[in-house]
């Protein structure tokens, strides 16, 4: 697995904590960041590339369509454990 840095692990942890609404907007707000910021978007893409996050299908919200949402994978949960986060406790 490619190196994952502390900032990205913080993003992953926020996705884990907000798994009921795993949208980048919700996670960015929780972290005090802008969901459209290139660094934040890059962190999300990197986490997806290493298999820690995966894009999930959400039911359509009428004419608004389906929001972009992610879930933390089992590999992502293990990564969080490796960094000392209390996953599953």
Protein backbone atom coordinates (compact mmCIF):
# COMPACT_ATOMS: atom_id res chain seq x y z
CA UNK A 1 0.00 0.00 0.00
CA UNK A 2 1.30 3.45 -0.85
CA UNK A 3 2.10 5.79 2.01
CA UNK A 4 -0.89 7.49 3.54
CA UNK A 5 -0.18 10.64 5.46
CA UNK A 6 -1.66 11.95 8.69
CA UNK A 7 -3.84 14.53 6.93
CA UNK A 8 -5.39 11.80 4.79
CA UNK A 9 -5.92 9.57 7.81
CA UNK A 10 -7.81 12.46 9.46
CA UNK A 11 -10.03 12.61 6.37
CA UNK A 12 -10.53 8.84 6.49
CA UNK A 13 -11.43 9.03 10.20
CA UNK A 14 -13.99 11.74 9.47
CA UNK A 15 -15.55 9.55 6.77
CA UNK A 16 -15.68 6.71 9.30
CA UNK A 17 -17.32 8.94 11.92
CA UNK A 18 -19.86 10.26 9.39
CA UNK A 19 -20.64 6.96 7.70
CA UNK A 20 -24.39 7.67 7.80
CA UNK A 21 -23.75 10.54 5.36
CA UNK A 22 -20.42 9.85 3.73
CA UNK A 23 -20.47 12.82 1.41
CA UNK A 24 -17.34 14.90 0.93
CA UNK A 25 -19.31 18.00 1.90
CA UNK A 26 -20.27 16.58 5.30
CA UNK A 27 -16.74 15.37 6.00
CA UNK A 28 -15.14 18.63 4.88
CA UNK A 29 -17.47 20.67 7.11
CA UNK A 30 -16.68 18.40 10.07
CA UNK A 31 -12.98 19.01 9.49
CA UNK A 32 -13.40 22.75 8.91
CA UNK A 33 -12.30 22.40 5.30
CA UNK A 34 -13.73 23.24 1.90
CA UNK A 35 -15.02 20.18 0.00
CA UNK A 36 -13.91 21.78 -3.28
CA UNK A 37 -10.38 22.52 -2.09
CA UNK A 38 -7.90 20.71 -4.37
CA UNK A 39 -5.93 19.32 -1.40
CA UNK A 40 -9.07 17.86 0.20
CA UNK A 41 -10.22 16.39 -3.14
CA UNK A 42 -6.75 14.95 -3.66
CA UNK A 43 -6.85 13.30 -0.22
CA UNK A 44 -10.21 11.70 -1.04
CA UNK A 45 -8.92 10.45 -4.41
CA UNK A 46 -5.74 9.08 -2.83
CA UNK A 47 -7.74 7.24 -0.17
CA UNK A 48 -9.89 5.78 -2.92
CA UNK A 49 -6.78 4.83 -4.95
CA UNK A 50 -5.25 2.90 -2.03
CA UNK A 51 -8.54 1.11 -1.34
CA UNK A 52 -9.37 2.82 1.97
CA UNK A 53 -12.53 4.48 0.58
CA UNK A 54 -14.95 3.39 -2.08
CA UNK A 55 -17.63 5.30 -3.91
CA UNK A 56 -21.09 3.91 -3.16
CA UNK A 57 -24.39 4.21 -4.93
CA UNK A 58 -26.95 6.24 -3.06
CA UNK A 59 -30.65 6.21 -3.84
CA UNK A 60 -31.66 9.09 -6.07
CA UNK A 61 -33.09 12.14 -4.35
CA UNK A 62 -35.84 12.88 -6.85
CA UNK A 63 -34.78 15.36 -9.50
CA UNK A 64 -31.59 16.19 -7.56
CA UNK A 65 -29.95 12.91 -8.54
CA UNK A 66 -27.64 10.81 -6.42
CA UNK A 67 -25.01 12.51 -4.22
CA UNK A 68 -21.35 11.51 -4.29
CA UNK A 69 -20.84 9.35 -1.20
CA UNK A 70 -18.06 7.14 0.08
CA UNK A 71 -17.73 4.37 2.61
CA UNK A 72 -14.66 3.25 4.50
CA UNK A 73 -13.57 -0.19 3.33
CA UNK A 74 -12.23 -2.99 5.53
CA UNK A 75 -8.73 -1.96 4.41
CA UNK A 76 -9.56 1.58 5.47
CA UNK A 77 -10.70 0.38 8.88
CA UNK A 78 -7.44 -1.56 9.27
CA UNK A 79 -5.48 1.53 8.28
CA UNK A 80 -7.27 3.51 10.98
CA UNK A 81 -6.48 0.81 13.54
CA UNK A 82 -2.83 0.87 12.45
CA UNK A 83 -2.80 4.63 13.15
CA UNK A 84 -4.35 4.06 16.60
CA UNK A 85 -7.95 5.09 15.93
CA UNK A 86 -10.64 3.25 17.97
CA UNK A 87 -12.43 1.51 15.09
CA UNK A 88 -15.17 -0.85 16.18
CA UNK A 89 -14.86 -0.07 19.86
